[in-house]
C-alpha atoms as a PDB file:
ATOM      1  CA  MET A   1       0.955  89.717 -20.384  1.00  0.00           C
ATOM      2  CA  ARG A   2       2.114  89.849 -23.931  1.00  0.00           C
ATOM      3  CA  GLU A   3       2.657  86.507 -25.616  1.00  0.00           C
ATOM      4  CA  ASP A   4       6.456  87.098 -26.247  1.00  0.00           C
ATOM      5  CA  ASP A   5       6.575  87.167 -22.401  1.00  0.00           C
ATOM      6  CA  VAL A   6       5.522  83.509 -22.216  1.00  0.00           C
ATOM      7  CA  ALA A   7       5.927  81.804 -25.554  1.00  0.00           C
ATOM      8  CA  THR A   8       9.225  81.485 -27.530  1.00  0.00           C
ATOM      9  CA  GLU A   9       9.262  81.998 -31.212  1.00  0.00           C
ATOM     10  CA  GLY A  10       9.841  78.150 -31.927  1.00  0.00           C
ATOM     11  CA  GLU A  11       6.939  77.404 -29.595  1.00  0.00           C
ATOM     12  CA  LEU A  12       4.583  79.814 -31.624  1.00  0.00           C
ATOM     13  CA  GLU A  13       5.847  78.132 -34.893  1.00  0.00           C
ATOM     14  CA  TRP A  14       5.353  74.617 -33.358  1.00  0.00           C
ATOM     15  CA  ALA A  15       1.548  75.592 -32.484  1.00  0.00           C
ATOM     16  CA  LEU A  16       0.813  76.875 -35.891  1.00  0.00           C
ATOM     17  CA  ALA A  17       2.461  73.867 -37.566  1.00  0.00           C
ATOM     18  CA  GLY A  18       0.122  71.448 -35.708  1.00  0.00           C
ATOM     19  CA  GLY A  19      -3.000  72.821 -36.854  1.00  0.00           C
ATOM     20  CA  SER A  20      -6.335  72.040 -35.388  1.00  0.00           C
ATOM     21  CA  ALA A  21      -5.979  68.269 -35.524  1.00  0.00           C
ATOM     22  CA  GLY A  22      -8.458  67.715 -32.637  1.00  0.00           C
ATOM     23  CA  PRO A  23     -12.123  68.794 -32.335  1.00  0.00           C
ATOM     24  CA  ALA A  24     -12.327  72.561 -31.826  1.00  0.00           C
ATOM     25  CA  GLU A  25     -15.041  72.107 -29.274  1.00  0.00           C
ATOM     26  CA  THR A  26     -13.079  69.752 -27.141  1.00  0.00           C
ATOM     27  CA  ALA A  27      -9.994  72.138 -27.761  1.00  0.00           C
ATOM     28  CA  GLU A  28     -12.100  75.041 -26.382  1.00  0.00           C
ATOM     29  CA  GLU A  29     -13.094  73.107 -23.249  1.00  0.00           C
ATOM     30  CA  VAL A  30      -9.355  72.515 -22.640  1.00  0.00           C
ATOM     31  CA  LEU A  31      -8.684  76.229 -22.987  1.00  0.00           C
ATOM     32  CA  ALA A  32     -11.614  76.987 -20.516  1.00  0.00           C
ATOM     33  CA  VAL A  33     -10.112  74.624 -17.881  1.00  0.00           C
ATOM     34  CA  LEU A  34      -6.621  75.819 -18.393  1.00  0.00           C
ATOM     35  CA  SER A  35      -7.703  79.496 -18.122  1.00  0.00           C
ATOM     36  CA  ALA A  36      -9.710  78.750 -14.808  1.00  0.00           C
ATOM     37  CA  THR A  37      -7.285  76.310 -13.080  1.00  0.00           C
ATOM     38  CA  GLY A  38      -3.923  76.682 -14.755  1.00  0.00           C
ATOM     39  CA  ARG A  39      -4.129  72.979 -15.292  1.00  0.00           C
ATOM     40  CA  THR A  40      -4.802  70.883 -18.668  1.00  0.00           C
ATOM     41  CA  PRO A  41      -7.544  68.100 -18.224  1.00  0.00           C
ATOM     42  CA  GLU A  42      -6.628  64.645 -19.558  1.00  0.00           C
ATOM     43  CA  VAL A  43      -7.316  64.612 -23.297  1.00  0.00           C
ATOM     44  CA  GLU A  44      -5.973  63.029 -26.358  1.00  0.00           C
ATOM     45  CA  VAL A  45      -2.647  64.582 -27.533  1.00  0.00           C
ATOM     46  CA  ASP A  46      -4.373  65.890 -30.729  1.00  0.00           C
ATOM     47  CA  THR A  47      -6.677  67.827 -28.611  1.00  0.00           C
ATOM     48  CA  LEU A  48      -3.779  69.570 -26.619  1.00  0.00           C
ATOM     49  CA  ARG A  49      -2.185  70.381 -30.031  1.00  0.00           C
ATOM     50  CA  ALA A  50      -5.441  71.728 -31.373  1.00  0.00           C
ATOM     51  CA  ALA A  51      -5.858  73.928 -28.080  1.00  0.00           C
ATOM     52  CA  ALA A  52      -2.176  75.259 -28.821  1.00  0.00           C
ATOM     53  CA  PHE A  53      -3.095  76.058 -32.272  1.00  0.00           C
ATOM     54  CA  LEU A  54      -6.307  78.016 -31.237  1.00  0.00           C
ATOM     55  CA  LEU A  55      -4.376  79.966 -28.869  1.00  0.00           C
ATOM     56  CA  VAL A  56      -1.639  81.128 -31.330  1.00  0.00           C
ATOM     57  CA  SER A  57      -3.716  81.312 -34.413  1.00  0.00           C
ATOM     58  CA  GLN A  58      -6.387  83.254 -32.852  1.00  0.00           C
ATOM     59  CA  ASP A  59      -4.061  85.501 -30.838  1.00  0.00           C
ATOM     60  CA  ARG A  60      -5.419  84.424 -27.372  1.00  0.00           C
ATOM     61  CA  LEU A  61      -2.410  83.386 -25.709  1.00  0.00           C
ATOM     62  CA  ASP A  62      -3.106  86.226 -23.054  1.00  0.00           C
ATOM     63  CA  GLU A  63      -6.069  84.238 -21.896  1.00  0.00           C
ATOM     64  CA  VAL A  64      -4.067  81.521 -20.378  1.00  0.00           C
ATOM     65  CA  GLY A  65      -0.724  83.367 -19.798  1.00  0.00           C
ATOM     66  CA  ARG A  66       1.833  81.212 -18.032  1.00  0.00           C
ATOM     67  CA  GLY A  67      -0.725  78.378 -18.348  1.00  0.00           C
ATOM     68  CA  TRP A  68       0.839  78.077 -21.858  1.00  0.00           C
ATOM     69  CA  LEU A  69       3.796  76.181 -20.240  1.00  0.00           C
ATOM     70  CA  GLU A  70       1.430  73.936 -18.462  1.00  0.00           C
ATOM     71  CA  LEU A  71      -0.031  73.178 -21.841  1.00  0.00           C
ATOM     72  CA  LEU A  72       3.323  72.495 -23.426  1.00  0.00           C
ATOM     73  CA  ASP A  73       4.257  70.176 -20.496  1.00  0.00           C
ATOM     74  CA  ALA A  74       1.082  68.288 -20.888  1.00  0.00           C
ATOM     75  CA  VAL A  75       1.959  67.577 -24.412  1.00  0.00           C
ATOM     76  CA  ARG A  76       5.486  66.473 -23.525  1.00  0.00           C
ATOM     77  CA  ALA A  77       4.116  64.174 -20.766  1.00  0.00           C
ATOM     78  CA  HIS A  78       1.410  62.601 -22.736  1.00  0.00           C
ATOM     79  CA  PRO A  79       1.984  58.770 -23.084  1.00  0.00           C
ATOM     80  CA  ASP A  80       0.736  59.013 -26.874  1.00  0.00           C
ATOM     81  CA  ALA A  81       2.698  61.979 -27.804  1.00  0.00           C
ATOM     82  CA  ALA A  82       5.090  61.186 -30.874  1.00  0.00           C
ATOM     83  CA  LEU A  83       8.330  62.957 -31.523  1.00  0.00           C
ATOM     84  CA  ALA A  84       6.437  65.040 -34.121  1.00  0.00           C
ATOM     85  CA  ASP A  85       4.001  66.224 -31.298  1.00  0.00           C
ATOM     86  CA  LEU A  86       6.610  67.514 -29.055  1.00  0.00           C
ATOM     87  CA  PRO A  87       7.176  71.345 -28.733  1.00  0.00           C
ATOM     88  CA  PRO A  88      10.664  72.711 -29.029  1.00  0.00           C
ATOM     89  CA  ALA A  89      12.771  72.330 -25.969  1.00  0.00           C
ATOM     90  CA  ARG A  90      13.473  75.501 -23.978  1.00  0.00           C
ATOM     91  CA  THR A  91      16.877  76.620 -23.317  1.00  0.00           C
ATOM     92  CA  ASP A  92      15.929  79.436 -20.668  1.00  0.00           C
END
C-alpha cells in the first residue's frame, strides 16, 4: 500500500507540523500495537501526534496501512486534544 492510498496531503502536512512532541520510545510502542492490532492504545495526545510524525517523517506509513485512519481517529477522539492537535477533516 502506498502512502497516497491512505493519507491525504493535508494529513501528511499535519503530521509533519506536529513534530515529535511525545517520547519517541512510547510513540514506537504505539506504532507496534497499531501495526499488530490495527488499534491505538490509550496514551497522551502528544504521543499520538509523535507516532504520526514518526510514520510520515520516516516514510513508514506502509507499516500501518489503513491503521493510519485509526490513529487519526484516536487523536480526534482524545479528551485532551486541543483544536491545534486535530488532523484535517476528510472530505471523501
